[in-house]
N, C-alpha and C. Protein backbone atom coordinates (compact mmCIF):
# COMPACT_ATOMS: atom_id res chain seq x y z
N MET A 1 11.44 -25.11 30.64
CA MET A 1 10.75 -24.73 31.91
C MET A 1 11.64 -24.61 32.99
N LEU A 2 12.47 -25.81 33.05
CA LEU A 2 13.57 -26.15 34.37
C LEU A 2 14.63 -24.91 34.32
N THR A 3 14.35 -24.21 33.27
CA THR A 3 15.37 -22.83 33.17
C THR A 3 14.82 -21.85 33.87
N SER A 4 13.77 -21.91 33.72
CA SER A 4 12.77 -20.43 34.65
C SER A 4 12.66 -20.41 35.85
N ILE A 5 11.90 -22.04 36.36
CA ILE A 5 12.25 -22.45 37.74
C ILE A 5 13.12 -21.77 38.68
N HIS A 6 13.17 -21.50 40.05
CA HIS A 6 13.85 -21.23 40.65
C HIS A 6 13.83 -21.86 42.03
N ILE A 7 14.42 -23.22 42.64
CA ILE A 7 14.49 -23.65 43.48
C ILE A 7 15.40 -23.05 44.86
N ILE A 8 14.75 -22.76 45.85
CA ILE A 8 15.56 -22.41 47.31
C ILE A 8 16.50 -22.94 47.15
N PRO A 9 17.80 -22.57 47.36
CA PRO A 9 18.92 -23.62 48.14
C PRO A 9 18.88 -24.43 49.68
N PHE A 10 18.89 -25.43 49.90
CA PHE A 10 18.84 -25.74 51.21
C PHE A 10 19.28 -27.24 50.65
N GLU A 11 20.40 -27.60 52.25
CA GLU A 11 21.15 -28.95 52.25
C GLU A 11 20.28 -30.44 51.97
N GLY A 12 21.19 -30.53 51.05
CA GLY A 12 20.23 -31.68 50.08
C GLY A 12 19.53 -31.82 49.07
N ALA A 13 19.46 -30.36 48.49
CA ALA A 13 18.40 -30.02 47.77
C ALA A 13 18.88 -30.38 46.43
N THR A 14 18.48 -31.66 45.98
CA THR A 14 18.92 -32.41 44.68
C THR A 14 18.42 -33.06 43.88
N ASP A 15 16.81 -32.56 44.12
CA ASP A 15 15.65 -33.08 43.38
C ASP A 15 15.27 -32.18 42.04
N GLY A 16 15.95 -30.98 41.93
CA GLY A 16 15.48 -30.28 41.02
C GLY A 16 16.62 -30.53 39.95
N ARG A 17 18.23 -30.36 40.49
CA ARG A 17 19.24 -31.07 39.42
C ARG A 17 19.15 -32.28 38.80
N GLU A 18 18.63 -33.42 39.62
CA GLU A 18 18.13 -34.36 39.10
C GLU A 18 17.34 -34.41 37.92
N LEU A 19 16.34 -33.94 38.35
CA LEU A 19 15.13 -33.84 37.24
C LEU A 19 15.93 -33.24 35.77
N TYR A 20 16.91 -32.15 35.80
CA TYR A 20 17.25 -31.58 34.96
C TYR A 20 18.34 -32.69 33.97
N ARG A 21 18.80 -33.30 34.93
CA ARG A 21 19.78 -34.21 34.64
C ARG A 21 19.25 -35.31 33.35
N GLN A 22 18.30 -35.61 34.04
CA GLN A 22 17.63 -36.72 33.55
C GLN A 22 16.72 -36.29 31.89
N THR A 23 16.04 -35.11 32.16
CA THR A 23 15.39 -34.61 31.47
C THR A 23 16.56 -34.19 29.96
N MET A 24 18.11 -33.87 30.47
CA MET A 24 19.03 -33.44 29.78
C MET A 24 19.23 -35.03 28.89
N LEU A 25 19.53 -35.97 29.72
CA LEU A 25 19.91 -37.14 29.16
C LEU A 25 18.96 -38.14 28.14
N MET A 26 17.74 -37.94 28.81
CA MET A 26 16.48 -38.77 27.73
C MET A 26 16.65 -37.61 26.17
N GLN A 27 16.72 -36.53 25.98
CA GLN A 27 17.33 -35.87 25.35
C GLN A 27 18.21 -36.16 24.31
N ALA A 28 19.19 -36.90 24.64
CA ALA A 28 20.29 -37.11 24.36
C ALA A 28 20.05 -38.40 23.97
N ILE A 29 19.23 -39.42 24.45
CA ILE A 29 18.83 -40.79 24.23
C ILE A 29 18.20 -40.64 22.67
N GLN A 30 17.18 -39.74 22.86
CA GLN A 30 16.66 -39.04 21.69
C GLN A 30 17.18 -38.88 20.49
N ASN A 31 18.05 -38.26 20.16
CA ASN A 31 19.08 -37.76 19.72
C ASN A 31 19.60 -38.71 18.94
N ILE A 32 20.47 -39.54 20.06
CA ILE A 32 21.61 -40.62 19.35
C ILE A 32 20.41 -41.39 18.59
N GLN A 33 18.43 -41.51 19.17
CA GLN A 33 18.22 -42.84 18.41
C GLN A 33 17.48 -42.19 16.65
N SER A 34 17.67 -40.66 16.69
CA SER A 34 17.39 -40.31 15.64
C SER A 34 18.83 -39.89 14.50
N LYS A 35 19.69 -40.34 15.31
CA LYS A 35 21.20 -40.38 14.40
C LYS A 35 21.71 -38.46 14.21
N LYS A 36 21.47 -37.71 15.42
CA LYS A 36 21.81 -36.61 15.86
C LYS A 36 22.81 -36.68 16.65
N PHE A 37 24.07 -37.23 16.17
CA PHE A 37 24.71 -37.22 17.21
C PHE A 37 25.67 -35.86 18.12
N VAL A 38 25.66 -35.14 17.60
CA VAL A 38 26.10 -33.73 17.50
C VAL A 38 25.35 -33.10 18.93
N LYS A 39 23.89 -33.13 18.47
CA LYS A 39 23.02 -32.61 19.25
C LYS A 39 22.64 -33.29 20.47
N ALA A 40 22.89 -34.87 20.68
CA ALA A 40 23.38 -35.92 21.31
C ALA A 40 24.06 -35.34 22.37
N LEU A 41 25.58 -35.00 21.89
CA LEU A 41 26.60 -34.67 22.38
C LEU A 41 26.04 -33.15 23.06
N ASP A 42 25.72 -32.34 22.93
CA ASP A 42 25.05 -31.24 23.76
C ASP A 42 24.44 -31.41 24.62
N PHE A 43 23.34 -31.98 24.48
CA PHE A 43 22.21 -32.19 26.14
C PHE A 43 23.08 -33.06 26.69
N ILE A 44 23.97 -34.08 26.42
CA ILE A 44 24.99 -34.97 27.24
C ILE A 44 26.05 -33.51 28.09
N SER A 45 26.39 -33.00 27.65
CA SER A 45 27.02 -31.81 27.79
C SER A 45 26.58 -31.06 29.06
N LYS A 46 25.25 -30.71 28.64
CA LYS A 46 24.18 -30.17 29.59
C LYS A 46 24.00 -30.63 30.73
N ALA A 47 23.90 -31.91 30.82
CA ALA A 47 23.41 -32.97 31.89
C ALA A 47 24.21 -33.18 32.63
N ARG A 48 25.59 -32.14 32.66
CA ARG A 48 26.71 -32.25 33.03
C ARG A 48 26.75 -31.08 34.20
N GLN A 49 25.85 -30.05 33.83
CA GLN A 49 25.75 -28.58 34.12
C GLN A 49 25.07 -29.19 35.93
N PHE A 50 25.29 -27.88 36.15
CA PHE A 50 24.69 -28.12 37.43
C PHE A 50 24.18 -26.61 38.02
N PRO A 51 22.57 -26.30 37.09
CA PRO A 51 22.43 -24.85 36.92
C PRO A 51 21.79 -24.37 38.82
N ASP A 52 22.12 -22.80 38.15
CA ASP A 52 22.24 -22.42 40.22
C ASP A 52 20.58 -22.31 40.32
N ASN A 53 19.99 -22.25 39.69
CA ASN A 53 18.12 -21.94 39.86
C ASN A 53 17.83 -23.17 40.34
N LEU A 54 18.38 -23.75 40.01
CA LEU A 54 17.89 -25.64 40.64
C LEU A 54 18.20 -25.80 41.97
N GLY A 55 18.57 -25.11 42.94
CA GLY A 55 18.72 -25.79 44.39
C GLY A 55 19.86 -25.99 44.69
N SER A 56 20.86 -26.54 44.29
CA SER A 56 21.93 -27.42 44.62
C SER A 56 22.93 -26.71 43.87
N GLY A 57 24.02 -26.90 44.65
CA GLY A 57 25.44 -26.39 44.15
C GLY A 57 26.11 -27.76 43.84
N LYS A 58 27.20 -27.14 42.98
CA LYS A 58 28.04 -28.24 42.22
C LYS A 58 28.89 -29.31 43.62
N PRO A 59 28.86 -30.16 43.57
CA PRO A 59 29.78 -30.73 44.33
C PRO A 59 30.83 -30.89 43.87
N TYR A 60 32.00 -31.55 44.67
CA TYR A 60 33.37 -31.38 44.24
C TYR A 60 33.48 -32.42 43.13
N GLU A 61 34.06 -31.96 42.29
CA GLU A 61 34.27 -32.77 40.99
C GLU A 61 34.83 -34.10 41.23
N GLU A 62 35.65 -34.47 42.04
CA GLU A 62 35.94 -35.94 42.27
C GLU A 62 34.99 -36.87 43.18
N ASP A 63 33.79 -35.99 43.38
CA ASP A 63 32.85 -36.47 43.81
C ASP A 63 31.48 -36.75 42.83
N ILE A 64 31.73 -36.25 41.84
CA ILE A 64 30.63 -36.43 40.34
C ILE A 64 30.88 -37.54 39.65
N ASP A 65 29.81 -38.65 39.81
CA ASP A 65 29.95 -39.53 38.64
C ASP A 65 29.37 -39.75 37.58
N TYR A 66 29.95 -39.33 36.26
CA TYR A 66 29.72 -39.12 35.22
C TYR A 66 29.14 -40.53 34.60
N ARG A 67 29.83 -41.90 34.75
CA ARG A 67 29.38 -43.39 34.14
C ARG A 67 28.44 -43.04 33.19
N VAL A 68 27.07 -42.54 33.65
CA VAL A 68 25.84 -42.59 32.14
C VAL A 68 26.30 -41.51 31.43
N GLU A 69 26.68 -40.78 31.15
CA GLU A 69 26.98 -39.42 30.50
C GLU A 69 28.16 -39.99 29.79
N ASP A 70 29.20 -40.33 30.48
CA ASP A 70 30.42 -40.86 29.36
C ASP A 70 29.98 -41.99 28.69
N PHE A 71 29.20 -42.80 29.06
CA PHE A 71 28.57 -43.92 28.59
C PHE A 71 27.65 -43.71 26.80
N LEU A 72 26.59 -42.71 27.66
CA LEU A 72 26.29 -42.00 26.36
C LEU A 72 26.88 -41.43 25.20
N THR A 73 28.32 -40.79 26.01
CA THR A 73 29.08 -40.22 24.86
C THR A 73 29.88 -40.76 24.18
N ALA A 74 29.99 -41.99 24.27
CA ALA A 74 30.92 -43.16 23.98
C ALA A 74 29.83 -43.82 23.07
N LEU A 75 28.65 -43.86 23.09
CA LEU A 75 28.03 -44.36 22.16
C LEU A 75 27.72 -43.34 21.06
N SER A 76 27.33 -42.37 21.34
CA SER A 76 27.62 -41.15 20.10
C SER A 76 28.58 -41.42 18.94
N TYR A 77 29.70 -41.40 20.07
CA TYR A 77 31.11 -41.29 19.04
C TYR A 77 30.91 -42.75 18.57
N GLU A 78 30.75 -44.00 19.03
CA GLU A 78 30.69 -45.55 18.34
C GLU A 78 29.73 -45.10 17.24
N LYS A 79 28.33 -44.34 17.48
CA LYS A 79 27.40 -44.84 16.12
C LYS A 79 27.76 -43.51 15.47
N SER A 80 28.62 -42.53 15.40
CA SER A 80 29.21 -41.87 14.58
C SER A 80 30.24 -42.09 13.92
N ASN A 81 31.02 -43.27 13.97
CA ASN A 81 31.91 -43.89 13.33
C ASN A 81 33.59 -43.04 13.67
N LYS A 82 33.17 -42.75 15.14
CA LYS A 82 34.62 -42.34 16.16
C LYS A 82 34.96 -42.96 16.56
N LYS A 83 35.65 -43.96 16.49
CA LYS A 83 36.19 -45.43 17.10
C LYS A 83 36.97 -45.24 18.18
N GLU A 84 37.79 -44.16 17.71
CA GLU A 84 38.48 -43.52 19.28
C GLU A 84 37.85 -42.81 20.12
N ASP A 85 37.50 -42.21 19.99
CA ASP A 85 36.73 -41.30 20.81
C ASP A 85 36.00 -42.23 21.71
N ALA A 86 35.32 -43.10 20.92
CA ALA A 86 34.54 -43.85 21.49
C ALA A 86 35.05 -44.74 22.71
N ALA A 87 36.52 -45.40 22.22
CA ALA A 87 37.29 -46.25 22.83
C ALA A 87 37.61 -45.61 23.83
N ASN A 88 37.96 -44.34 24.11
CA ASN A 88 37.92 -43.13 24.96
C ASN A 88 37.46 -43.33 26.03
N PHE A 89 35.94 -42.90 25.61
CA PHE A 89 35.00 -43.06 26.31
C PHE A 89 34.51 -43.96 27.02
N PHE A 90 34.52 -44.89 26.65
CA PHE A 90 34.07 -46.43 27.24
C PHE A 90 35.15 -46.48 28.43
N GLY A 91 36.83 -46.50 27.75
CA GLY A 91 37.79 -46.87 28.89
C GLY A 91 37.63 -46.08 29.89
N LYS A 92 37.07 -44.67 30.09
CA LYS A 92 36.85 -43.77 31.18
C LYS A 92 35.87 -44.66 32.51
N VAL A 93 34.75 -44.92 31.25
CA VAL A 93 33.69 -45.71 31.84
C VAL A 93 33.76 -46.64 32.66
N ALA A 94 34.40 -47.82 32.48
CA ALA A 94 35.18 -49.38 32.70
C ALA A 94 36.35 -48.69 33.80
N ALA A 95 37.10 -47.93 33.81
CA ALA A 95 38.19 -47.68 34.88
C ALA A 95 37.44 -47.28 35.97
N TYR A 96 36.28 -46.48 36.05
CA TYR A 96 35.82 -46.23 37.63
C TYR A 96 36.18 -46.95 38.74
N SER A 97 36.53 -46.65 39.74
CA SER A 97 36.20 -47.35 40.94
C SER A 97 35.81 -47.36 41.83
N LYS A 98 35.57 -46.32 42.07
CA LYS A 98 34.64 -45.68 43.37
C LYS A 98 33.04 -46.30 43.55
N PRO A 99 32.46 -46.67 44.46
CA PRO A 99 31.25 -47.05 44.32
C PRO A 99 30.44 -46.22 43.98
N GLY A 100 29.18 -46.66 43.44
CA GLY A 100 28.10 -45.98 43.55
C GLY A 100 26.64 -46.50 43.36
N LEU A 101 26.15 -45.54 42.45
CA LEU A 101 24.37 -46.30 42.53
C LEU A 101 24.40 -47.66 41.23
N LYS A 102 23.62 -48.41 41.18
CA LYS A 102 23.51 -49.63 40.90
C LYS A 102 23.85 -49.30 39.15
N SER A 103 22.98 -48.42 38.79
CA SER A 103 22.84 -47.72 37.52
C SER A 103 23.97 -47.21 36.75
N ASN A 104 24.76 -46.52 37.62
CA ASN A 104 25.96 -46.40 36.84
C ASN A 104 26.87 -47.49 37.02
N MET A 105 26.63 -48.61 37.98
CA MET A 105 27.67 -49.25 37.57
C MET A 105 27.28 -50.13 36.30
N ILE A 106 25.77 -50.60 36.03
CA ILE A 106 25.36 -51.32 34.93
C ILE A 106 25.91 -50.50 33.61
N ALA A 107 26.35 -49.33 33.88
CA ALA A 107 27.24 -48.83 32.82
C ALA A 107 28.18 -49.26 32.29
N GLN A 108 28.85 -49.07 33.56
CA GLN A 108 30.31 -49.65 33.62
C GLN A 108 30.37 -51.16 33.40
N VAL A 109 29.10 -52.11 33.76
CA VAL A 109 29.28 -53.47 32.85
C VAL A 109 28.99 -53.52 31.49
N TRP A 110 28.23 -52.52 30.83
CA TRP A 110 28.44 -52.46 29.13
C TRP A 110 29.61 -51.37 29.10
N ALA A 111 30.20 -51.04 29.51
CA ALA A 111 31.70 -50.11 28.86
C ALA A 111 32.51 -51.68 28.62
N LEU A 112 32.59 -52.52 29.93
CA LEU A 112 33.71 -53.06 29.77
C LEU A 112 33.34 -54.35 28.77
N GLN A 113 31.81 -54.86 28.27
CA GLN A 113 31.57 -55.28 27.40
C GLN A 113 32.03 -54.93 26.16
N LYS A 114 31.89 -53.38 25.94
CA LYS A 114 31.91 -52.83 24.37
C LYS A 114 33.83 -53.28 24.52
N LEU A 115 34.43 -52.80 25.65
CA LEU A 115 35.59 -53.21 25.42
C LEU A 115 36.37 -54.58 25.41
N GLY A 116 35.42 -55.40 25.33
CA GLY A 116 35.81 -56.77 24.87
C GLY A 116 36.51 -57.40 26.68
N GLU A 117 35.74 -56.73 27.53
CA GLU A 117 36.51 -57.61 29.00
C GLU A 117 35.53 -57.94 29.59
N ARG A 118 35.21 -59.32 29.09
CA ARG A 118 33.93 -59.67 29.67
C ARG A 118 34.20 -60.26 31.04
N ASN A 119 35.30 -61.14 31.23
CA ASN A 119 35.44 -61.52 32.75
C ASN A 119 35.10 -60.57 33.80
N ALA A 120 36.04 -58.96 33.74
CA ALA A 120 35.42 -58.24 34.15
C ALA A 120 34.24 -57.57 34.73
N ALA A 121 33.71 -57.73 33.36
CA ALA A 121 31.86 -56.97 33.34
C ALA A 121 31.46 -57.76 34.45
N ASP A 122 31.51 -59.54 33.95
CA ASP A 122 30.49 -60.97 34.63
C ASP A 122 30.82 -60.41 36.19
N ARG A 123 32.18 -60.33 36.17
CA ARG A 123 32.37 -60.02 38.03
C ARG A 123 31.54 -58.82 38.56
N LEU A 124 31.62 -57.69 37.86
CA LEU A 124 30.71 -56.66 38.00
C LEU A 124 29.40 -56.85 38.14
N ALA A 125 28.95 -57.14 37.45
CA ALA A 125 27.46 -57.63 37.04
C ALA A 125 27.29 -58.90 38.12
N GLU A 126 28.51 -59.41 38.43
CA GLU A 126 27.49 -60.62 39.70
C GLU A 126 27.74 -59.74 40.93
N LYS A 127 28.46 -58.84 41.05
CA LYS A 127 28.44 -57.60 42.20
C LYS A 127 27.17 -57.18 42.58
N ILE A 128 26.82 -56.86 41.42
CA ILE A 128 25.49 -55.47 41.44
C ILE A 128 24.42 -56.37 41.82
N LEU A 129 24.45 -57.46 40.84
CA LEU A 129 23.30 -58.66 41.40
C LEU A 129 23.21 -58.85 42.84
N SER A 130 24.72 -59.64 43.22
CA SER A 130 24.35 -60.08 45.00
C SER A 130 23.85 -58.60 45.62
N THR A 131 23.76 -57.78 45.63
CA THR A 131 23.36 -56.84 46.63
C THR A 131 21.68 -56.45 46.51
N GLU A 132 21.25 -57.12 45.22
CA GLU A 132 19.75 -56.50 45.55
C GLU A 132 18.99 -57.56 46.08
N LYS A 133 18.01 -57.03 46.56
CA LYS A 133 17.29 -57.22 47.44
C LYS A 133 16.05 -57.96 46.80
N ASN A 134 15.87 -56.85 46.01
CA ASN A 134 14.58 -57.18 45.01
C ASN A 134 14.48 -58.03 43.90
N ASP A 135 13.51 -59.09 43.87
CA ASP A 135 13.79 -60.02 43.32
C ASP A 135 13.16 -60.02 41.95
N SER A 136 12.32 -59.43 41.68
CA SER A 136 11.39 -58.82 39.99
C SER A 136 12.85 -57.64 39.71
N LEU A 137 13.01 -56.89 40.42
CA LEU A 137 14.38 -56.24 39.76
C LEU A 137 15.72 -56.41 39.58
N LYS A 138 15.95 -57.89 40.46
CA LYS A 138 17.34 -58.38 39.86
C LYS A 138 16.81 -59.24 38.81
N VAL A 139 15.82 -59.88 38.42
CA VAL A 139 14.89 -60.66 37.17
C VAL A 139 15.49 -59.32 36.07
N TRP A 140 15.15 -58.48 36.23
CA TRP A 140 14.96 -57.00 35.04
C TRP A 140 16.21 -56.86 34.87
N MET A 141 17.10 -56.55 35.86
CA MET A 141 18.43 -56.37 35.55
C MET A 141 19.12 -57.20 34.85
N MET A 142 19.42 -58.86 35.47
CA MET A 142 19.71 -59.67 34.43
C MET A 142 19.90 -59.32 32.80
N ALA A 143 18.26 -59.42 32.61
CA ALA A 143 17.90 -59.26 30.99
C ALA A 143 18.74 -58.08 30.66
N LEU A 144 18.70 -56.94 31.32
CA LEU A 144 19.21 -55.67 30.76
C LEU A 144 20.74 -55.99 30.68
N LEU A 145 21.43 -56.80 31.57
CA LEU A 145 23.20 -56.90 31.85
C LEU A 145 23.24 -57.91 30.78
N ASN A 146 22.66 -58.96 30.23
CA ASN A 146 22.44 -60.10 29.37
C ASN A 146 22.32 -59.15 28.43
N ASP A 147 21.60 -58.27 27.51
CA ASP A 147 20.96 -57.49 26.59
C ASP A 147 20.15 -58.28 25.96
N LYS A 148 19.22 -58.67 26.59
CA LYS A 148 17.80 -59.71 26.26
C LYS A 148 16.56 -58.16 26.56
N GLU A 149 16.02 -58.39 25.78
CA GLU A 149 14.80 -57.75 25.87
C GLU A 149 14.02 -57.84 26.94
N THR A 150 13.75 -56.71 27.59
CA THR A 150 13.09 -56.68 29.07
C THR A 150 11.63 -55.75 28.17
N ASN A 151 10.84 -56.71 28.32
CA ASN A 151 9.35 -56.14 28.09
C ASN A 151 8.58 -55.43 29.06
N ASN A 152 8.99 -55.51 30.19
CA ASN A 152 7.88 -54.97 31.38
C ASN A 152 9.08 -53.95 31.76
N PRO A 153 8.20 -52.79 32.32
CA PRO A 153 8.64 -51.42 32.90
C PRO A 153 9.85 -51.97 33.81
N VAL A 154 10.54 -50.87 34.11
CA VAL A 154 11.08 -51.30 35.77
C VAL A 154 10.35 -51.56 36.74
N PRO A 155 10.51 -52.56 37.31
CA PRO A 155 9.77 -53.01 38.39
C PRO A 155 10.20 -52.68 39.77
N GLY A 156 9.36 -52.29 40.60
CA GLY A 156 9.32 -51.79 42.07
C GLY A 156 9.62 -50.83 42.30
N LYS A 157 10.06 -50.15 43.33
CA LYS A 157 10.38 -48.51 43.59
C LYS A 157 12.20 -48.73 43.61
N SER A 158 12.86 -48.15 42.42
CA SER A 158 14.25 -48.18 42.34
C SER A 158 14.62 -46.66 41.54
N ASP A 159 16.05 -46.16 42.02
CA ASP A 159 16.08 -44.73 41.36
C ASP A 159 15.97 -44.65 40.16
N ASN A 160 15.50 -43.69 39.72
CA ASN A 160 15.30 -42.88 38.46
C ASN A 160 16.16 -43.37 37.36
N ASN A 161 17.33 -43.45 38.09
CA ASN A 161 18.36 -44.02 36.68
C ASN A 161 17.95 -45.13 35.94
N MET A 162 17.32 -46.32 36.44
CA MET A 162 16.99 -47.18 35.76
C MET A 162 16.11 -47.20 34.89
N LEU A 163 15.26 -45.74 35.18
CA LEU A 163 14.62 -45.85 33.91
C LEU A 163 15.61 -45.03 32.84
N LEU A 164 16.54 -44.49 32.89
CA LEU A 164 17.52 -44.23 31.72
C LEU A 164 18.14 -45.47 31.44
N LEU A 165 18.78 -46.47 32.18
CA LEU A 165 19.36 -47.37 31.60
C LEU A 165 18.43 -48.07 30.64
N GLU A 166 17.14 -48.12 30.79
CA GLU A 166 15.95 -49.08 30.08
C GLU A 166 16.08 -48.50 29.32
N SER A 167 16.73 -47.24 28.92
CA SER A 167 15.97 -46.75 27.03
C SER A 167 17.60 -46.48 26.54
N ILE A 168 18.43 -46.81 27.43
CA ILE A 168 20.28 -47.08 27.20
C ILE A 168 20.52 -48.45 26.47
N GLY A 169 19.61 -49.16 26.87
CA GLY A 169 19.79 -50.55 27.24
C GLY A 169 18.80 -51.26 25.45
N LYS A 170 18.19 -50.19 25.18
CA LYS A 170 17.28 -50.36 23.51
C LYS A 170 18.09 -49.71 22.53
N LEU A 171 19.00 -48.74 23.19
CA LEU A 171 20.27 -48.10 22.27
C LEU A 171 21.28 -49.41 21.73
N ILE A 172 21.37 -50.11 22.91
CA ILE A 172 22.61 -50.74 22.53
C ILE A 172 22.40 -52.64 21.75
N ARG A 173 21.16 -52.73 22.25
CA ARG A 173 20.89 -53.86 21.71
C ARG A 173 20.86 -53.94 19.62
């Protein structure tokens, strides 16, 4: 359906592309859960695209934050026993140095944890949590970062990427 709709482009028109990205990443998560890793990687690849019909052009490559996509790629490789490929993608996520959405930073914490860089992961987690003003979201993120089951849905109004993280968190437990 997203391939057949056309959103008229205008400055800041990112909703269509973000919906497309999230849909592709949720499909990837479902395929990782089903151990269909090649198919998952295909959906992750699609999530990196900026279809013309969705009303926003592709930003400069250096301005795009692919930490969630790269983390899911690493998980796919890890779960299909391609350890070297997984380590490369976890390393790419861990090395990211620009600020960004908290959801992308949480993926970075997980990558640091996967690489055994516990101190760096703890410092970044503390940075994320120290800037969160919503106490219920902070508690939810603490549970997610500490690999604890989050029985409650994402609290409050947060970016939609937190919903993705909730599903990714279930993959890594």
